[in-house]
C-alpha atoms as a PDB file:
ATOM      1  CA  MET A   1      46.072 -10.146  15.955  1.00  0.00           C
ATOM      2  CA  ILE A   2      46.680  -8.413  19.276  1.00  0.00           C
ATOM      3  CA  VAL A   3      46.633  -4.643  19.622  1.00  0.00           C
ATOM      4  CA  VAL A   4      47.538  -2.348  22.507  1.00  0.00           C
ATOM      5  CA  SER A   5      45.335   0.717  22.383  1.00  0.00           C
ATOM      6  CA  ASN A   6      45.728   4.255  23.607  1.00  0.00           C
ATOM      7  CA  THR A   7      42.763   6.528  24.296  1.00  0.00           C
ATOM      8  CA  SER A   8      42.388   8.118  20.842  1.00  0.00           C
ATOM      9  CA  PRO A   9      40.912   5.217  18.868  1.00  0.00           C
ATOM     10  CA  ILE A  10      38.687   4.168  21.749  1.00  0.00           C
ATOM     11  CA  THR A  11      37.256   7.614  22.459  1.00  0.00           C
ATOM     12  CA  ASN A  12      36.866   8.479  18.767  1.00  0.00           C
ATOM     13  CA  LEU A  13      35.038   5.245  17.970  1.00  0.00           C
ATOM     14  CA  ALA A  14      32.898   5.578  21.085  1.00  0.00           C
ATOM     15  CA  ALA A  15      31.940   9.107  20.025  1.00  0.00           C
ATOM     16  CA  ILE A  16      30.422   7.747  16.821  1.00  0.00           C
ATOM     17  CA  GLN A  17      29.057   4.657  18.592  1.00  0.00           C
ATOM     18  CA  ARG A  18      31.266   2.259  16.610  1.00  0.00           C
ATOM     19  CA  ILE A  19      33.525   0.768  19.286  1.00  0.00           C
ATOM     20  CA  ASP A  20      32.499  -2.594  17.810  1.00  0.00           C
ATOM     21  CA  ILE A  21      34.892  -1.964  14.914  1.00  0.00           C
ATOM     22  CA  LEU A  22      37.849  -2.758  17.167  1.00  0.00           C
ATOM     23  CA  GLU A  23      36.345  -6.142  18.037  1.00  0.00           C
ATOM     24  CA  LYS A  24      35.808  -6.927  14.355  1.00  0.00           C
ATOM     25  CA  ILE A  25      39.400  -6.104  13.401  1.00  0.00           C
ATOM     26  CA  TYR A  26      41.356  -7.503  16.365  1.00  0.00           C
ATOM     27  CA  ASP A  27      41.142 -10.788  18.265  1.00  0.00           C
ATOM     28  CA  THR A  28      42.549  -9.302  21.464  1.00  0.00           C
ATOM     29  CA  ILE A  29      42.535  -5.672  22.566  1.00  0.00           C
ATOM     30  CA  ILE A  30      44.800  -4.709  25.453  1.00  0.00           C
ATOM     31  CA  ILE A  31      44.014  -1.482  27.247  1.00  0.00           C
ATOM     32  CA  PRO A  32      46.843  -0.448  29.587  1.00  0.00           C
ATOM     33  CA  GLN A  33      45.866   0.590  33.114  1.00  0.00           C
ATOM     34  CA  ALA A  34      46.913   4.202  32.468  1.00  0.00           C
ATOM     35  CA  VAL A  35      44.574   4.370  29.457  1.00  0.00           C
ATOM     36  CA  TYR A  36      41.736   2.836  31.460  1.00  0.00           C
ATOM     37  CA  ASP A  37      42.323   5.317  34.273  1.00  0.00           C
ATOM     38  CA  GLU A  38      42.344   8.272  31.854  1.00  0.00           C
ATOM     39  CA  MET A  39      39.094   7.161  30.248  1.00  0.00           C
ATOM     40  CA  SER A  40      37.434   6.529  33.605  1.00  0.00           C
ATOM     41  CA  ASN A  41      37.904  10.108  34.784  1.00  0.00           C
END
């Protein structure tokens, strides 16, 4: 399954150090450039 993610699930999972959950659920995770830019700031 492919998922396109916004910042909420990424930042929330990172906050509890469980970003690995996304990799376990989805084969491919697409992070749009705007989301990447927002998280990089």
